[in-house]
Amino acid sequence: MFKNASLKKISLIIFILVLLIFFIWYGSIEPDPEKGHYPGEEEILQDYGEHVGRKVEVGGRVIEEEPLKIEIEYGSEKIELQVVGEKEEANENDRITVYGTLHENNTIVAENVVVRGYWRYIYMYTVSVGAAVWVGVRLFKSWRWDSDSFSFQKRDEDLELKDMIRKNDRGGKGHG
């Protein structure tokens, strides 16, 4: 696509800056119920009383099953909320997301509850690590990084797995 290495570097820097701008913009979006952005953990922990009687959406870890209580946190601040009106069963240490109306006495009347069991996170991370290793092996088996042209170059011949494990795949000293 680009023949000039400095043009590639400039394009990469511009791309990273645009991504950074989008991250900052997304992080600065204020709660706006008309647009579906409801107050969450941060807003509730900063000023609980301001949000009493309003719709909120919070996520937290189940700390008690009967009555259902969750712990929400933001930074170093934590609060326990009792969830009433839930129709989903949740076990201790499950993560749940609750959409409902915030009331006094650390209570939220739930309209919708989504339960994510603890085992799902273990499964998700295990599959993700396995997929990352698989993609990495596939990438470095057929491609190499060329720092002169600042790009990946197709290898003339795919590497074997044993060649990939060795420290120096260019036939350096000390490898047989």
C-alpha atoms as a PDB file:
ATOM      1  CA  MET A   1       0.000   0.000   0.000  1.00  0.00           C
ATOM      2  CA  PHE A   2       2.696   2.512   1.034  1.00  0.00           C
ATOM      3  CA  LYS A   3       6.126   2.318  -0.575  1.00  0.00           C
ATOM      4  CA  ASN A   4       7.815   4.839   1.714  1.00  0.00           C
ATOM      5  CA  ALA A   5       8.655   3.645   5.254  1.00  0.00           C
ATOM      6  CA  SER A   6       8.328   7.137   6.749  1.00  0.00           C
ATOM      7  CA  LEU A   7       4.843   7.465   5.250  1.00  0.00           C
ATOM      8  CA  LYS A   8       3.919   4.161   6.921  1.00  0.00           C
ATOM      9  CA  LYS A   9       5.183   5.426  10.268  1.00  0.00           C
ATOM     10  CA  ILE A  10       3.247   8.680   9.924  1.00  0.00           C
ATOM     11  CA  SER A  11       0.091   6.759   8.972  1.00  0.00           C
ATOM     12  CA  LEU A  12       0.510   4.487  12.003  1.00  0.00           C
ATOM     13  CA  ILE A  13       0.953   7.482  14.329  1.00  0.00           C
ATOM     14  CA  ILE A  14      -2.163   9.173  12.886  1.00  0.00           C
ATOM     15  CA  PHE A  15      -4.153   5.955  13.288  1.00  0.00           C
ATOM     16  CA  ILE A  16      -3.079   5.581  16.935  1.00  0.00           C
ATOM     17  CA  LEU A  17      -3.923   9.239  17.643  1.00  0.00           C
ATOM     18  CA  VAL A  18      -7.398   8.836  16.140  1.00  0.00           C
ATOM     19  CA  LEU A  19      -7.985   5.742  18.302  1.00  0.00           C
ATOM     20  CA  LEU A  20      -6.799   7.639  21.376  1.00  0.00           C
ATOM     21  CA  ILE A  21      -9.189  10.499  20.596  1.00  0.00           C
ATOM     22  CA  PHE A  22     -12.099   8.042  20.296  1.00  0.00           C
ATOM     23  CA  PHE A  23     -11.164   6.402  23.638  1.00  0.00           C
ATOM     24  CA  ILE A  24     -11.119   9.776  25.366  1.00  0.00           C
ATOM     25  CA  TRP A  25     -14.394  10.836  23.731  1.00  0.00           C
ATOM     26  CA  TYR A  26     -16.157   7.596  24.695  1.00  0.00           C
ATOM     27  CA  GLY A  27     -14.925   7.884  28.279  1.00  0.00           C
ATOM     28  CA  SER A  28     -16.321  11.392  28.567  1.00  0.00           C
ATOM     29  CA  ILE A  29     -19.921  10.503  27.647  1.00  0.00           C
ATOM     30  CA  GLU A  30     -22.216  11.606  30.462  1.00  0.00           C
ATOM     31  CA  PRO A  31     -25.222   9.549  31.586  1.00  0.00           C
ATOM     32  CA  ASP A  32     -28.226  10.469  29.460  1.00  0.00           C
ATOM     33  CA  PRO A  33     -31.319   8.262  29.994  1.00  0.00           C
ATOM     34  CA  GLU A  34     -32.995   9.611  26.850  1.00  0.00           C
ATOM     35  CA  LYS A  35     -30.112   8.142  24.836  1.00  0.00           C
ATOM     36  CA  GLY A  36     -29.852   4.919  26.843  1.00  0.00           C
ATOM     37  CA  HIS A  37     -26.853   5.996  28.967  1.00  0.00           C
ATOM     38  CA  TYR A  38     -27.996   5.362  32.543  1.00  0.00           C
ATOM     39  CA  PRO A  39     -26.057   6.310  35.670  1.00  0.00           C
ATOM     40  CA  GLY A  40     -23.748   3.500  36.765  1.00  0.00           C
ATOM     41  CA  GLU A  41     -21.377   2.599  39.560  1.00  0.00           C
ATOM     42  CA  GLU A  42     -19.278   5.770  39.325  1.00  0.00           C
ATOM     43  CA  GLU A  43     -22.225   8.162  39.531  1.00  0.00           C
ATOM     44  CA  ILE A  44     -23.964   6.230  42.310  1.00  0.00           C
ATOM     45  CA  LEU A  45     -20.844   6.071  44.454  1.00  0.00           C
ATOM     46  CA  GLN A  46     -20.132   9.770  43.938  1.00  0.00           C
ATOM     47  CA  ASP A  47     -23.621  10.951  44.931  1.00  0.00           C
ATOM     48  CA  TYR A  48     -26.090   8.231  45.912  1.00  0.00           C
ATOM     49  CA  GLY A  49     -28.861  10.633  46.942  1.00  0.00           C
ATOM     50  CA  GLU A  50     -28.932  12.391  43.567  1.00  0.00           C
ATOM     51  CA  HIS A  51     -29.920   9.151  41.814  1.00  0.00           C
ATOM     52  CA  VAL A  52     -32.580   7.862  44.243  1.00  0.00           C
ATOM     53  CA  GLY A  53     -35.812   7.327  42.301  1.00  0.00           C
ATOM     54  CA  ARG A  54     -34.015   7.221  38.943  1.00  0.00           C
ATOM     55  CA  LYS A  55     -33.297   4.397  36.529  1.00  0.00           C
ATOM     56  CA  VAL A  56     -29.738   3.078  36.863  1.00  0.00           C
ATOM     57  CA  GLU A  57     -27.652   0.267  35.403  1.00  0.00           C
ATOM     58  CA  VAL A  58     -25.017  -1.311  37.627  1.00  0.00           C
ATOM     59  CA  GLY A  59     -22.869  -4.402  37.593  1.00  0.00           C
ATOM     60  CA  GLY A  60     -21.355  -6.148  40.552  1.00  0.00           C
ATOM     61  CA  ARG A  61     -20.397  -9.342  42.328  1.00  0.00           C
ATOM     62  CA  VAL A  62     -23.029 -11.298  44.256  1.00  0.00           C
ATOM     63  CA  ILE A  63     -22.046 -11.344  47.936  1.00  0.00           C
ATOM     64  CA  GLU A  64     -25.259 -12.785  49.375  1.00  0.00           C
ATOM     65  CA  GLU A  65     -27.944 -14.942  47.773  1.00  0.00           C
ATOM     66  CA  GLU A  66     -30.910 -14.521  50.135  1.00  0.00           C
ATOM     67  CA  PRO A  67     -31.732 -11.659  50.009  1.00  0.00           C
ATOM     68  CA  LEU A  68     -29.780 -10.965  46.844  1.00  0.00           C
ATOM     69  CA  LYS A  69     -27.025  -8.457  47.537  1.00  0.00           C
ATOM     70  CA  ILE A  70     -24.322  -7.240  45.204  1.00  0.00           C
ATOM     71  CA  GLU A  71     -21.186  -5.263  45.794  1.00  0.00           C
ATOM     72  CA  ILE A  72     -20.532  -2.505  43.299  1.00  0.00           C
ATOM     73  CA  GLU A  73     -17.270  -0.647  43.202  1.00  0.00           C
ATOM     74  CA  TYR A  74     -15.585   2.180  41.437  1.00  0.00           C
ATOM     75  CA  GLY A  75     -11.938   2.811  42.172  1.00  0.00           C
ATOM     76  CA  SER A  76     -11.419   2.235  45.887  1.00  0.00           C
ATOM     77  CA  GLU A  77     -15.056   2.972  46.821  1.00  0.00           C
ATOM     78  CA  LYS A  78     -17.531   0.126  47.387  1.00  0.00           C
ATOM     79  CA  ILE A  79     -21.174  -0.159  48.330  1.00  0.00           C
ATOM     80  CA  GLU A  80     -23.572  -3.053  48.874  1.00  0.00           C
ATOM     81  CA  LEU A  81     -26.958  -2.954  47.161  1.00  0.00           C
ATOM     82  CA  GLN A  82     -29.907  -5.225  47.859  1.00  0.00           C
ATOM     83  CA  VAL A  83     -31.609  -6.282  44.636  1.00  0.00           C
ATOM     84  CA  VAL A  84     -35.365  -6.832  44.875  1.00  0.00           C
ATOM     85  CA  GLY A  85     -37.757  -7.964  42.177  1.00  0.00           C
ATOM     86  CA  GLU A  86     -35.187 -10.163  40.437  1.00  0.00           C
ATOM     87  CA  LYS A  87     -36.380 -13.205  38.546  1.00  0.00           C
ATOM     88  CA  GLU A  88     -32.952 -14.697  37.824  1.00  0.00           C
ATOM     89  CA  GLU A  89     -31.137 -16.973  40.237  1.00  0.00           C
ATOM     90  CA  ALA A  90     -27.619 -15.942  41.097  1.00  0.00           C
ATOM     91  CA  ASN A  91     -24.993 -17.702  43.171  1.00  0.00           C
ATOM     92  CA  GLU A  92     -22.350 -16.166  45.364  1.00  0.00           C
ATOM     93  CA  ASN A  93     -19.409 -14.695  43.335  1.00  0.00           C
ATOM     94  CA  ASP A  94     -21.462 -14.559  40.120  1.00  0.00           C
ATOM     95  CA  ARG A  95     -21.298 -11.235  38.302  1.00  0.00           C
ATOM     96  CA  ILE A  96     -24.646  -9.648  37.533  1.00  0.00           C
ATOM     97  CA  THR A  97     -25.822  -6.537  35.747  1.00  0.00           C
ATOM     98  CA  VAL A  98     -28.985  -4.928  37.101  1.00  0.00           C
ATOM     99  CA  TYR A  99     -31.198  -2.380  35.391  1.00  0.00           C
ATOM    100  CA  GLY A 100     -33.783  -0.837  37.653  1.00  0.00           C
ATOM    101  CA  THR A 101     -34.816   1.998  39.950  1.00  0.00           C
ATOM    102  CA  LEU A 102     -32.523   3.051  42.781  1.00  0.00           C
ATOM    103  CA  HIS A 103     -34.192   3.474  46.193  1.00  0.00           C
ATOM    104  CA  GLU A 104     -33.051   4.610  49.617  1.00  0.00           C
ATOM    105  CA  ASN A 105     -31.442   2.162  52.045  1.00  0.00           C
ATOM    106  CA  ASN A 106     -29.099   0.778  49.361  1.00  0.00           C
ATOM    107  CA  THR A 107     -31.871  -0.960  47.426  1.00  0.00           C
ATOM    108  CA  ILE A 108     -32.444  -1.312  43.712  1.00  0.00           C
ATOM    109  CA  VAL A 109     -35.775  -2.563  42.329  1.00  0.00           C
ATOM    110  CA  ALA A 110     -34.757  -4.622  39.326  1.00  0.00           C
ATOM    111  CA  GLU A 111     -36.536  -4.591  36.004  1.00  0.00           C
ATOM    112  CA  ASN A 112     -33.892  -6.678  34.282  1.00  0.00           C
ATOM    113  CA  VAL A 113     -31.064  -8.814  35.666  1.00  0.00           C
ATOM    114  CA  VAL A 114     -28.355 -10.549  33.649  1.00  0.00           C
ATOM    115  CA  VAL A 115     -26.361 -13.225  35.484  1.00  0.00           C
ATOM    116  CA  ARG A 116     -22.904 -14.265  34.336  1.00  0.00           C
ATOM    117  CA  GLY A 117     -21.543 -17.254  36.220  1.00  0.00           C
ATOM    118  CA  TYR A 118     -17.943 -17.163  37.434  1.00  0.00           C
ATOM    119  CA  TRP A 119     -17.010 -20.180  35.289  1.00  0.00           C
ATOM    120  CA  ARG A 120     -17.823 -18.183  32.116  1.00  0.00           C
ATOM    121  CA  TYR A 121     -14.893 -15.843  32.766  1.00  0.00           C
ATOM    122  CA  ILE A 122     -12.508 -18.766  33.192  1.00  0.00           C
ATOM    123  CA  TYR A 123     -13.780 -20.256  29.931  1.00  0.00           C
ATOM    124  CA  MET A 124     -13.605 -16.901  28.121  1.00  0.00           C
ATOM    125  CA  TYR A 125     -10.006 -16.199  29.147  1.00  0.00           C
ATOM    126  CA  THR A 126      -8.866 -19.768  28.469  1.00  0.00           C
ATOM    127  CA  VAL A 127     -10.317 -19.712  24.954  1.00  0.00           C
ATOM    128  CA  SER A 128      -8.892 -16.228  24.323  1.00  0.00           C
ATOM    129  CA  VAL A 129      -5.370 -17.207  25.361  1.00  0.00           C
ATOM    130  CA  GLY A 130      -5.569 -20.373  23.256  1.00  0.00           C
ATOM    131  CA  ALA A 131      -6.755 -18.383  20.235  1.00  0.00           C
ATOM    132  CA  ALA A 132      -4.013 -15.758  20.709  1.00  0.00           C
ATOM    133  CA  VAL A 133      -1.328 -18.458  20.797  1.00  0.00           C
ATOM    134  CA  TRP A 134      -2.803 -20.133  17.710  1.00  0.00           C
ATOM    135  CA  VAL A 135      -2.918 -16.839  15.770  1.00  0.00           C
ATOM    136  CA  GLY A 136       0.625 -15.966  16.880  1.00  0.00           C
ATOM    137  CA  VAL A 137       2.006 -19.313  15.742  1.00  0.00           C
ATOM    138  CA  ARG A 138       0.205 -19.027  12.405  1.00  0.00           C
ATOM    139  CA  LEU A 139       1.474 -15.474  11.929  1.00  0.00           C
ATOM    140  CA  PHE A 140       5.129 -16.114  12.706  1.00  0.00           C
ATOM    141  CA  LYS A 141       5.151 -19.424  10.855  1.00  0.00           C
ATOM    142  CA  SER A 142       4.430 -17.732   7.510  1.00  0.00           C
ATOM    143  CA  TRP A 143       5.506 -14.123   8.087  1.00  0.00           C
ATOM    144  CA  ARG A 144       8.508 -12.225   9.420  1.00  0.00           C
ATOM    145  CA  TRP A 145       8.960  -8.657  10.602  1.00  0.00           C
ATOM    146  CA  ASP A 146      11.175  -6.507   8.386  1.00  0.00           C
ATOM    147  CA  SER A 147      12.241  -3.442  10.357  1.00  0.00           C
ATOM    148  CA  ASP A 148      13.794  -1.814   7.273  1.00  0.00           C
ATOM    149  CA  SER A 149      10.463  -1.598   5.461  1.00  0.00           C
ATOM    150  CA  PHE A 150       8.448  -1.417   8.727  1.00  0.00           C
ATOM    151  CA  SER A 151       6.156  -4.238   7.613  1.00  0.00           C
ATOM    152  CA  PHE A 152       5.538  -7.953   7.689  1.00  0.00           C
ATOM    153  CA  GLN A 153       7.017  -9.912   4.795  1.00  0.00           C
ATOM    154  CA  LYS A 154       5.881 -13.324   3.592  1.00  0.00           C
ATOM    155  CA  ARG A 155       8.503 -15.988   4.267  1.00  0.00           C
ATOM    156  CA  ASP A 156       9.849 -17.880   1.280  1.00  0.00           C
ATOM    157  CA  GLU A 157       9.248 -21.103   3.154  1.00  0.00           C
ATOM    158  CA  ASP A 158       7.034 -21.641   6.214  1.00  0.00           C
ATOM    159  CA  LEU A 159       8.866 -22.337   9.455  1.00  0.00           C
ATOM    160  CA  GLU A 160       8.437 -25.628  11.219  1.00  0.00           C
ATOM    161  CA  LEU A 161       7.320 -25.508  14.840  1.00  0.00           C
ATOM    162  CA  LYS A 162      10.738 -26.719  16.058  1.00  0.00           C
ATOM    163  CA  ASP A 163      12.382 -23.820  14.159  1.00  0.00           C
ATOM    164  CA  MET A 164      10.019 -21.350  15.804  1.00  0.00           C
ATOM    165  CA  ILE A 165      10.947 -22.576  19.272  1.00  0.00           C
ATOM    166  CA  ARG A 166      14.658 -22.071  18.689  1.00  0.00           C
ATOM    167  CA  LYS A 167      15.967 -18.655  19.716  1.00  0.00           C
ATOM    168  CA  ASN A 168      17.422 -17.728  16.348  1.00  0.00           C
ATOM    169  CA  ASP A 169      15.479 -18.744  13.223  1.00  0.00           C
ATOM    170  CA  ARG A 170      18.036 -17.175  10.831  1.00  0.00           C
ATOM    171  CA  GLY A 171      20.575 -19.937  11.251  1.00  0.00           C
ATOM    172  CA  GLY A 172      22.714 -18.198  13.869  1.00  0.00           C
ATOM    173  CA  LYS A 173      25.526 -19.719  15.920  1.00  0.00           C
ATOM    174  CA  GLY A 174      24.929 -22.365  18.534  1.00  0.00           C
ATOM    175  CA  HIS A 175      21.977 -24.111  16.918  1.00  0.00           C
ATOM    176  CA  GLY A 176      23.276 -27.220  15.511  1.00  0.00           C
END
